[in-house]
Amino acid sequence: MQYREEIIKSVQALLEPVLEQKGIELVDIEYGIGARRGYLRIFIDKEDGLTVDDCADISRELGILLDVQDIIRNSYTLEVSSPGPNRPLKDAKDYQRFRGKKVKIKTKINLYERNVFVGDLIDFINDIASIGVHGKTCFIPFNDIEKAHLEFD
C-alpha cells in the first residue's frame, strides 16, 4: 500500500508541472498491479474540453519522464484519459466549479438518516457541501464525504 502511494505521489510531482504549462488539470491517478502487469491510469480535464490529442500528448510526455526517472520498476500499462461524465469531485475547487450540477455523494457516516445523496450541488462554503435532495437542502461536511462524483442523467 505504501509503495503504491509513493508511486502516485512521485508521478503527480512529475506530471503537475507539465499539465500546468498546458492548462490541463489533474483529476486523479490510479496505480495497481494486475494479473500480468501493472497499470498507471491518469485522468485529466480541461476547462474548454479535452481532446484525444491532449491525452496522446500527455501520455507521450509522461511516458518519457517515467522512463528517465524510472519510478515504476515493474512492467505497466500507461493510460491517459478524461474522467468521463461521472467525473469524481476530489477537492473544494471541484465542488466550487460544479455548483448547479447533479452529483452523487457517499458519506462515511449517516447524515439525515442516509449515507448516499443524489441531487443538485447548490454550493460549497466553509468546507460544507449543500445539496438539494427531493426539495430539501442537505448540508454535508467535506470531512464526512467518502466519495463524490458528477451524476450523468
N, C-alpha and C. Protein backbone atom coordinates (compact mmCIF):
# COMPACT_ATOMS: atom_id res chain seq x y z
N MET A 1 0.83 -1.19 0.00
CA MET A 1 0.00 0.00 0.00
C MET A 1 0.87 1.25 0.00
N GLN A 2 1.87 1.26 0.86
CA GLN A 2 2.73 2.44 0.94
C GLN A 2 3.50 2.62 -0.37
N TYR A 3 3.94 1.52 -0.97
CA TYR A 3 4.65 1.58 -2.25
C TYR A 3 3.77 2.23 -3.31
N ARG A 4 2.50 1.85 -3.35
CA ARG A 4 1.54 2.40 -4.31
C ARG A 4 1.38 3.90 -4.09
N GLU A 5 1.24 4.32 -2.85
CA GLU A 5 1.08 5.74 -2.54
C GLU A 5 2.33 6.54 -2.91
N GLU A 6 3.50 5.95 -2.71
CA GLU A 6 4.75 6.63 -3.08
C GLU A 6 4.83 6.82 -4.59
N ILE A 7 4.43 5.80 -5.34
CA ILE A 7 4.45 5.91 -6.80
C ILE A 7 3.49 7.00 -7.25
N ILE A 8 2.29 7.01 -6.70
CA ILE A 8 1.30 8.02 -7.08
C ILE A 8 1.82 9.43 -6.79
N LYS A 9 2.42 9.62 -5.63
CA LYS A 9 2.96 10.95 -5.28
C LYS A 9 4.10 11.34 -6.21
N SER A 10 4.96 10.39 -6.55
CA SER A 10 6.08 10.68 -7.46
C SER A 10 5.59 11.02 -8.86
N VAL A 11 4.61 10.27 -9.34
CA VAL A 11 4.03 10.55 -10.66
C VAL A 11 3.37 11.91 -10.66
N GLN A 12 2.64 12.23 -9.61
CA GLN A 12 1.96 13.52 -9.50
C GLN A 12 2.98 14.65 -9.55
N ALA A 13 4.09 14.51 -8.83
CA ALA A 13 5.12 15.54 -8.82
C ALA A 13 5.73 15.74 -10.21
N LEU A 14 5.89 14.67 -10.96
CA LEU A 14 6.42 14.77 -12.33
C LEU A 14 5.40 15.41 -13.28
N LEU A 15 4.16 15.03 -13.10
CA LEU A 15 3.12 15.37 -14.05
C LEU A 15 2.56 16.78 -13.89
N GLU A 16 2.38 17.25 -12.68
CA GLU A 16 1.71 18.54 -12.47
C GLU A 16 2.35 19.71 -13.21
N PRO A 17 3.68 19.87 -13.23
CA PRO A 17 4.25 20.99 -13.99
C PRO A 17 3.95 20.91 -15.49
N VAL A 18 3.94 19.70 -16.04
CA VAL A 18 3.63 19.51 -17.46
C VAL A 18 2.19 19.92 -17.74
N LEU A 19 1.28 19.48 -16.89
CA LEU A 19 -0.13 19.80 -17.07
C LEU A 19 -0.41 21.29 -16.90
N GLU A 20 0.20 21.87 -15.88
CA GLU A 20 0.00 23.29 -15.60
C GLU A 20 0.41 24.14 -16.80
N GLN A 21 1.51 23.78 -17.42
CA GLN A 21 2.01 24.51 -18.58
C GLN A 21 1.02 24.46 -19.75
N LYS A 22 0.23 23.39 -19.83
CA LYS A 22 -0.71 23.21 -20.93
C LYS A 22 -2.15 23.59 -20.55
N GLY A 23 -2.35 24.08 -19.33
CA GLY A 23 -3.69 24.46 -18.91
C GLY A 23 -4.61 23.28 -18.69
N ILE A 24 -4.02 22.16 -18.31
CA ILE A 24 -4.78 20.93 -18.07
C ILE A 24 -4.71 20.61 -16.59
N GLU A 25 -5.82 20.11 -16.05
CA GLU A 25 -5.86 19.80 -14.63
C GLU A 25 -5.78 18.29 -14.40
N LEU A 26 -5.09 17.91 -13.35
CA LEU A 26 -5.02 16.51 -12.94
C LEU A 26 -6.24 16.22 -12.09
N VAL A 27 -7.02 15.22 -12.50
CA VAL A 27 -8.22 14.84 -11.76
C VAL A 27 -7.91 13.70 -10.80
N ASP A 28 -7.19 12.69 -11.29
CA ASP A 28 -6.92 11.53 -10.44
C ASP A 28 -5.79 10.70 -11.04
N ILE A 29 -5.17 9.91 -10.17
CA ILE A 29 -4.15 8.94 -10.57
C ILE A 29 -4.48 7.63 -9.89
N GLU A 30 -4.46 6.55 -10.67
CA GLU A 30 -4.65 5.21 -10.11
C GLU A 30 -3.43 4.37 -10.49
N TYR A 31 -2.94 3.62 -9.54
CA TYR A 31 -1.84 2.70 -9.83
C TYR A 31 -2.14 1.37 -9.14
N GLY A 32 -1.93 0.30 -9.86
CA GLY A 32 -2.16 -1.01 -9.26
C GLY A 32 -1.44 -2.09 -10.04
N ILE A 33 -1.45 -3.27 -9.46
CA ILE A 33 -0.83 -4.42 -10.09
C ILE A 33 -1.93 -5.35 -10.55
N GLY A 34 -1.95 -5.67 -11.84
CA GLY A 34 -2.94 -6.60 -12.39
C GLY A 34 -2.39 -8.02 -12.36
N ALA A 35 -3.08 -8.92 -13.02
CA ALA A 35 -2.68 -10.33 -13.05
C ALA A 35 -1.32 -10.51 -13.73
N ARG A 36 -1.10 -9.77 -14.82
CA ARG A 36 0.15 -9.93 -15.57
C ARG A 36 1.09 -8.73 -15.49
N ARG A 37 0.51 -7.57 -15.36
CA ARG A 37 1.34 -6.36 -15.33
C ARG A 37 0.60 -5.27 -14.58
N GLY A 38 1.33 -4.23 -14.25
CA GLY A 38 0.73 -3.12 -13.53
C GLY A 38 0.01 -2.16 -14.47
N TYR A 39 -0.67 -1.21 -13.89
CA TYR A 39 -1.32 -0.16 -14.68
C TYR A 39 -1.15 1.17 -13.96
N LEU A 40 -1.03 2.20 -14.75
CA LEU A 40 -0.99 3.57 -14.26
C LEU A 40 -2.02 4.33 -15.06
N ARG A 41 -3.08 4.76 -14.38
CA ARG A 41 -4.16 5.49 -15.05
C ARG A 41 -4.13 6.94 -14.60
N ILE A 42 -4.11 7.82 -15.58
CA ILE A 42 -4.08 9.25 -15.33
C ILE A 42 -5.38 9.83 -15.90
N PHE A 43 -6.11 10.55 -15.07
CA PHE A 43 -7.34 11.19 -15.50
C PHE A 43 -7.11 12.70 -15.49
N ILE A 44 -7.33 13.33 -16.64
CA ILE A 44 -7.08 14.75 -16.79
C ILE A 44 -8.32 15.43 -17.37
N ASP A 45 -8.38 16.75 -17.22
CA ASP A 45 -9.51 17.50 -17.75
C ASP A 45 -9.05 18.91 -18.09
N LYS A 46 -9.85 19.59 -18.88
CA LYS A 46 -9.53 20.95 -19.28
C LYS A 46 -10.83 21.74 -19.32
N GLU A 47 -10.76 22.98 -18.92
CA GLU A 47 -11.94 23.84 -18.81
C GLU A 47 -12.76 23.86 -20.10
N ASP A 48 -12.10 24.00 -21.24
CA ASP A 48 -12.82 24.07 -22.52
C ASP A 48 -12.95 22.72 -23.22
N GLY A 49 -12.70 21.66 -22.50
CA GLY A 49 -12.86 20.31 -23.06
C GLY A 49 -11.54 19.69 -23.47
N LEU A 50 -11.44 18.43 -23.23
CA LEU A 50 -10.23 17.66 -23.51
C LEU A 50 -10.36 16.99 -24.87
N THR A 51 -9.26 16.91 -25.61
CA THR A 51 -9.27 16.22 -26.90
C THR A 51 -8.44 14.95 -26.80
N VAL A 52 -8.59 14.09 -27.79
CA VAL A 52 -7.78 12.88 -27.87
C VAL A 52 -6.31 13.26 -28.02
N ASP A 53 -6.05 14.33 -28.76
CA ASP A 53 -4.66 14.79 -28.93
C ASP A 53 -4.06 15.24 -27.60
N ASP A 54 -4.86 15.88 -26.73
CA ASP A 54 -4.38 16.27 -25.40
C ASP A 54 -3.91 15.03 -24.64
N CYS A 55 -4.74 13.99 -24.65
CA CYS A 55 -4.41 12.75 -23.94
C CYS A 55 -3.16 12.10 -24.52
N ALA A 56 -3.07 12.07 -25.84
CA ALA A 56 -1.91 11.46 -26.51
C ALA A 56 -0.63 12.24 -26.17
N ASP A 57 -0.71 13.58 -26.19
CA ASP A 57 0.47 14.40 -25.87
C ASP A 57 0.94 14.15 -24.44
N ILE A 58 0.00 14.14 -23.50
CA ILE A 58 0.37 13.93 -22.09
C ILE A 58 0.92 12.52 -21.91
N SER A 59 0.33 11.55 -22.55
CA SER A 59 0.81 10.17 -22.46
C SER A 59 2.25 10.07 -22.95
N ARG A 60 2.53 10.69 -24.09
CA ARG A 60 3.88 10.67 -24.66
C ARG A 60 4.89 11.34 -23.72
N GLU A 61 4.55 12.54 -23.26
CA GLU A 61 5.47 13.28 -22.38
C GLU A 61 5.68 12.57 -21.06
N LEU A 62 4.60 12.09 -20.46
CA LEU A 62 4.72 11.39 -19.18
C LEU A 62 5.49 10.09 -19.35
N GLY A 63 5.24 9.38 -20.43
CA GLY A 63 5.96 8.13 -20.70
C GLY A 63 7.47 8.35 -20.72
N ILE A 64 7.89 9.40 -21.38
CA ILE A 64 9.33 9.73 -21.45
C ILE A 64 9.86 10.06 -20.05
N LEU A 65 9.13 10.91 -19.31
CA LEU A 65 9.57 11.27 -17.96
C LEU A 65 9.67 10.05 -17.05
N LEU A 66 8.69 9.16 -17.14
CA LEU A 66 8.69 7.96 -16.30
C LEU A 66 9.86 7.04 -16.66
N ASP A 67 10.17 6.94 -17.95
CA ASP A 67 11.31 6.11 -18.37
C ASP A 67 12.62 6.68 -17.85
N VAL A 68 12.77 7.98 -17.92
CA VAL A 68 14.00 8.63 -17.46
C VAL A 68 14.14 8.52 -15.94
N GLN A 69 13.05 8.79 -15.22
CA GLN A 69 13.09 8.78 -13.75
C GLN A 69 13.06 7.37 -13.17
N ASP A 70 12.57 6.41 -13.94
CA ASP A 70 12.50 5.00 -13.51
C ASP A 70 11.77 4.85 -12.16
N ILE A 71 10.60 5.49 -12.06
CA ILE A 71 9.80 5.46 -10.83
C ILE A 71 9.14 4.10 -10.63
N ILE A 72 8.64 3.52 -11.73
CA ILE A 72 7.94 2.24 -11.66
C ILE A 72 8.86 1.17 -12.24
N ARG A 73 9.28 0.25 -11.40
CA ARG A 73 10.30 -0.73 -11.79
C ARG A 73 9.72 -1.94 -12.54
N ASN A 74 8.48 -2.32 -12.25
CA ASN A 74 7.88 -3.46 -12.95
C ASN A 74 7.20 -2.98 -14.23
N SER A 75 6.79 -3.92 -15.09
CA SER A 75 6.11 -3.52 -16.32
C SER A 75 4.70 -3.05 -16.01
N TYR A 76 4.23 -2.08 -16.80
CA TYR A 76 2.92 -1.50 -16.56
C TYR A 76 2.38 -0.91 -17.86
N THR A 77 1.10 -0.66 -17.87
CA THR A 77 0.44 0.00 -18.98
C THR A 77 0.07 1.41 -18.52
N LEU A 78 0.40 2.39 -19.34
CA LEU A 78 0.06 3.78 -19.05
C LEU A 78 -1.20 4.14 -19.82
N GLU A 79 -2.21 4.63 -19.11
CA GLU A 79 -3.46 5.08 -19.73
C GLU A 79 -3.71 6.52 -19.32
N VAL A 80 -3.98 7.37 -20.29
CA VAL A 80 -4.30 8.78 -20.01
C VAL A 80 -5.65 9.07 -20.65
N SER A 81 -6.61 9.54 -19.85
CA SER A 81 -7.94 9.78 -20.40
C SER A 81 -8.68 10.85 -19.60
N SER A 82 -9.83 11.20 -20.12
CA SER A 82 -10.76 12.09 -19.45
C SER A 82 -11.44 11.30 -18.33
N PRO A 83 -11.89 11.97 -17.28
CA PRO A 83 -12.61 11.25 -16.23
C PRO A 83 -14.01 10.84 -16.65
N GLY A 84 -14.48 11.35 -17.78
CA GLY A 84 -15.80 10.98 -18.27
C GLY A 84 -16.91 11.79 -17.62
N PRO A 85 -18.16 11.46 -17.96
CA PRO A 85 -19.28 12.26 -17.45
C PRO A 85 -19.51 12.11 -15.95
N ASN A 86 -19.04 11.04 -15.35
CA ASN A 86 -19.20 10.83 -13.90
C ASN A 86 -17.91 11.20 -13.17
N ARG A 87 -17.36 12.33 -13.54
CA ARG A 87 -16.10 12.82 -13.00
C ARG A 87 -16.14 12.88 -11.47
N PRO A 88 -15.10 12.39 -10.81
CA PRO A 88 -15.06 12.49 -9.34
C PRO A 88 -14.84 13.93 -8.88
N LEU A 89 -15.36 14.24 -7.72
CA LEU A 89 -15.12 15.52 -7.07
C LEU A 89 -14.13 15.26 -5.95
N LYS A 90 -12.95 15.81 -6.06
CA LYS A 90 -11.87 15.48 -5.13
C LYS A 90 -11.59 16.56 -4.09
N ASP A 91 -11.77 17.82 -4.46
CA ASP A 91 -11.38 18.89 -3.54
C ASP A 91 -12.35 20.07 -3.65
N ALA A 92 -12.11 21.08 -2.83
CA ALA A 92 -13.00 22.25 -2.77
C ALA A 92 -13.15 22.90 -4.14
N LYS A 93 -12.09 22.95 -4.89
CA LYS A 93 -12.11 23.56 -6.22
C LYS A 93 -13.13 22.86 -7.12
N ASP A 94 -13.20 21.53 -7.04
CA ASP A 94 -14.18 20.78 -7.84
C ASP A 94 -15.60 21.11 -7.43
N TYR A 95 -15.84 21.18 -6.13
CA TYR A 95 -17.19 21.49 -5.64
C TYR A 95 -17.61 22.90 -6.07
N GLN A 96 -16.68 23.84 -6.04
CA GLN A 96 -16.98 25.19 -6.49
C GLN A 96 -17.30 25.21 -7.98
N ARG A 97 -16.49 24.53 -8.75
CA ARG A 97 -16.62 24.52 -10.22
C ARG A 97 -17.94 23.91 -10.69
N PHE A 98 -18.42 22.90 -9.99
CA PHE A 98 -19.58 22.17 -10.47
C PHE A 98 -20.87 22.48 -9.71
N ARG A 99 -20.93 23.67 -9.09
CA ARG A 99 -22.18 24.11 -8.48
C ARG A 99 -23.28 24.13 -9.54
N GLY A 100 -24.46 23.68 -9.13
CA GLY A 100 -25.59 23.63 -10.06
C GLY A 100 -25.70 22.33 -10.83
N LYS A 101 -24.70 21.48 -10.74
CA LYS A 101 -24.71 20.18 -11.44
C LYS A 101 -25.26 19.10 -10.52
N LYS A 102 -25.75 18.05 -11.14
CA LYS A 102 -26.24 16.90 -10.38
C LYS A 102 -25.04 16.07 -9.91
N VAL A 103 -25.06 15.72 -8.63
CA VAL A 103 -23.95 14.96 -8.04
C VAL A 103 -24.47 13.78 -7.22
N LYS A 104 -23.57 12.85 -6.97
CA LYS A 104 -23.85 11.75 -6.05
C LYS A 104 -22.75 11.78 -5.00
N ILE A 105 -23.15 11.86 -3.75
CA ILE A 105 -22.20 11.92 -2.64
C ILE A 105 -22.47 10.75 -1.70
N LYS A 106 -21.41 10.02 -1.39
CA LYS A 106 -21.50 8.95 -0.40
C LYS A 106 -20.72 9.42 0.82
N THR A 107 -21.37 9.34 1.99
CA THR A 107 -20.74 9.81 3.22
C THR A 107 -20.19 8.64 4.04
N LYS A 108 -19.22 8.95 4.89
CA LYS A 108 -18.62 7.96 5.78
C LYS A 108 -19.56 7.58 6.91
N ILE A 109 -20.45 8.49 7.25
CA ILE A 109 -21.40 8.28 8.35
C ILE A 109 -22.81 8.60 7.86
N ASN A 110 -23.80 8.17 8.61
CA ASN A 110 -25.17 8.53 8.28
C ASN A 110 -25.44 9.98 8.64
N LEU A 111 -25.99 10.70 7.70
CA LEU A 111 -26.47 12.07 7.89
C LEU A 111 -27.88 12.09 7.33
N TYR A 112 -28.77 12.74 8.00
CA TYR A 112 -30.17 12.79 7.54
C TYR A 112 -30.72 11.37 7.31
N GLU A 113 -30.28 10.44 8.14
CA GLU A 113 -30.71 9.04 8.10
C GLU A 113 -30.35 8.33 6.80
N ARG A 114 -29.25 8.73 6.19
CA ARG A 114 -28.77 8.09 4.95
C ARG A 114 -27.28 8.36 4.80
N ASN A 115 -26.68 7.64 3.86
CA ASN A 115 -25.27 7.92 3.56
C ASN A 115 -25.01 8.07 2.05
N VAL A 116 -26.07 8.10 1.25
CA VAL A 116 -25.94 8.36 -0.18
C VAL A 116 -26.92 9.48 -0.54
N PHE A 117 -26.40 10.51 -1.20
CA PHE A 117 -27.18 11.67 -1.58
C PHE A 117 -27.03 11.91 -3.07
N VAL A 118 -28.15 12.01 -3.77
CA VAL A 118 -28.13 12.35 -5.19
C VAL A 118 -29.02 13.57 -5.37
N GLY A 119 -28.43 14.62 -5.93
CA GLY A 119 -29.20 15.85 -6.14
C GLY A 119 -28.32 16.93 -6.73
N ASP A 120 -28.84 18.13 -6.77
CA ASP A 120 -28.11 19.26 -7.34
C ASP A 120 -27.19 19.88 -6.30
N LEU A 121 -25.94 20.07 -6.67
CA LEU A 121 -24.97 20.72 -5.79
C LEU A 121 -25.29 22.21 -5.77
N ILE A 122 -25.76 22.69 -4.65
CA ILE A 122 -26.18 24.09 -4.52
C ILE A 122 -24.97 24.99 -4.30
N ASP A 123 -24.12 24.62 -3.33
CA ASP A 123 -22.97 25.46 -3.02
C ASP A 123 -21.95 24.67 -2.22
N PHE A 124 -20.81 25.28 -2.01
CA PHE A 124 -19.75 24.69 -1.19
C PHE A 124 -19.08 25.84 -0.45
N ILE A 125 -19.44 26.01 0.82
CA ILE A 125 -18.93 27.12 1.61
C ILE A 125 -18.39 26.57 2.93
N ASN A 126 -17.21 27.06 3.34
CA ASN A 126 -16.59 26.65 4.60
C ASN A 126 -16.50 25.12 4.73
N ASP A 127 -16.09 24.48 3.65
CA ASP A 127 -15.93 23.01 3.61
C ASP A 127 -17.22 22.25 3.88
N ILE A 128 -18.35 22.84 3.51
CA ILE A 128 -19.64 22.16 3.63
C ILE A 128 -20.36 22.24 2.29
N ALA A 129 -20.70 21.06 1.76
CA ALA A 129 -21.46 20.98 0.52
C ALA A 129 -22.94 21.06 0.84
N SER A 130 -23.66 21.90 0.12
CA SER A 130 -25.11 21.90 0.25
C SER A 130 -25.67 21.30 -1.03
N ILE A 131 -26.56 20.34 -0.85
CA ILE A 131 -27.10 19.60 -1.98
C ILE A 131 -28.62 19.52 -1.85
N GLY A 132 -29.31 19.79 -2.94
CA GLY A 132 -30.77 19.71 -2.95
C GLY A 132 -31.21 18.30 -3.28
N VAL A 133 -31.90 17.67 -2.33
CA VAL A 133 -32.37 16.31 -2.49
C VAL A 133 -33.88 16.29 -2.25
N HIS A 134 -34.65 16.03 -3.29
CA HIS A 134 -36.12 15.96 -3.18
C HIS A 134 -36.71 17.18 -2.49
N GLY A 135 -36.26 18.37 -2.90
CA GLY A 135 -36.82 19.60 -2.36
C GLY A 135 -36.29 20.02 -1.00
N LYS A 136 -35.37 19.25 -0.45
CA LYS A 136 -34.79 19.55 0.86
C LYS A 136 -33.30 19.82 0.68
N THR A 137 -32.77 20.80 1.40
CA THR A 137 -31.33 21.08 1.34
C THR A 137 -30.62 20.32 2.44
N CYS A 138 -29.63 19.53 2.04
CA CYS A 138 -28.80 18.77 3.00
C CYS A 138 -27.41 19.40 3.02
N PHE A 139 -26.87 19.52 4.21
CA PHE A 139 -25.53 20.10 4.39
C PHE A 139 -24.58 18.98 4.78
N ILE A 140 -23.52 18.80 3.98
CA ILE A 140 -22.61 17.68 4.17
C ILE A 140 -21.19 18.21 4.36
N PRO A 141 -20.61 18.03 5.55
CA PRO A 141 -19.22 18.46 5.77
C PRO A 141 -18.25 17.66 4.88
N PHE A 142 -17.30 18.37 4.31
CA PHE A 142 -16.32 17.74 3.41
C PHE A 142 -15.62 16.56 4.09
N ASN A 143 -15.29 16.68 5.36
CA ASN A 143 -14.60 15.60 6.07
C ASN A 143 -15.44 14.34 6.22
N ASP A 144 -16.75 14.45 6.05
CA ASP A 144 -17.63 13.29 6.15
C ASP A 144 -17.89 12.63 4.79
N ILE A 145 -17.35 13.20 3.72
CA ILE A 145 -17.57 12.66 2.38
C ILE A 145 -16.55 11.56 2.09
N GLU A 146 -17.07 10.38 1.76
CA GLU A 146 -16.20 9.27 1.37
C GLU A 146 -15.86 9.35 -0.11
N LYS A 147 -16.88 9.58 -0.94
CA LYS A 147 -16.71 9.71 -2.39
C LYS A 147 -17.78 10.63 -2.92
N ALA A 148 -17.45 11.30 -4.01
CA ALA A 148 -18.44 12.13 -4.68
C ALA A 148 -18.08 12.20 -6.15
N HIS A 149 -19.11 12.26 -6.99
CA HIS A 149 -18.87 12.42 -8.42
C HIS A 149 -20.07 13.06 -9.09
N LEU A 150 -19.83 13.61 -10.28
CA LEU A 150 -20.93 14.14 -11.06
C LEU A 150 -21.83 12.98 -11.43
N GLU A 151 -23.10 13.22 -11.49
CA GLU A 151 -24.06 12.18 -11.83
C GLU A 151 -24.64 12.53 -13.20
N PHE A 152 -24.36 11.70 -14.16
CA PHE A 152 -24.83 11.92 -15.52
C PHE A 152 -26.26 11.43 -15.64
N ASP A 153 -27.14 12.28 -16.17
CA ASP A 153 -28.56 11.89 -16.31
C ASP A 153 -28.74 10.87 -17.41
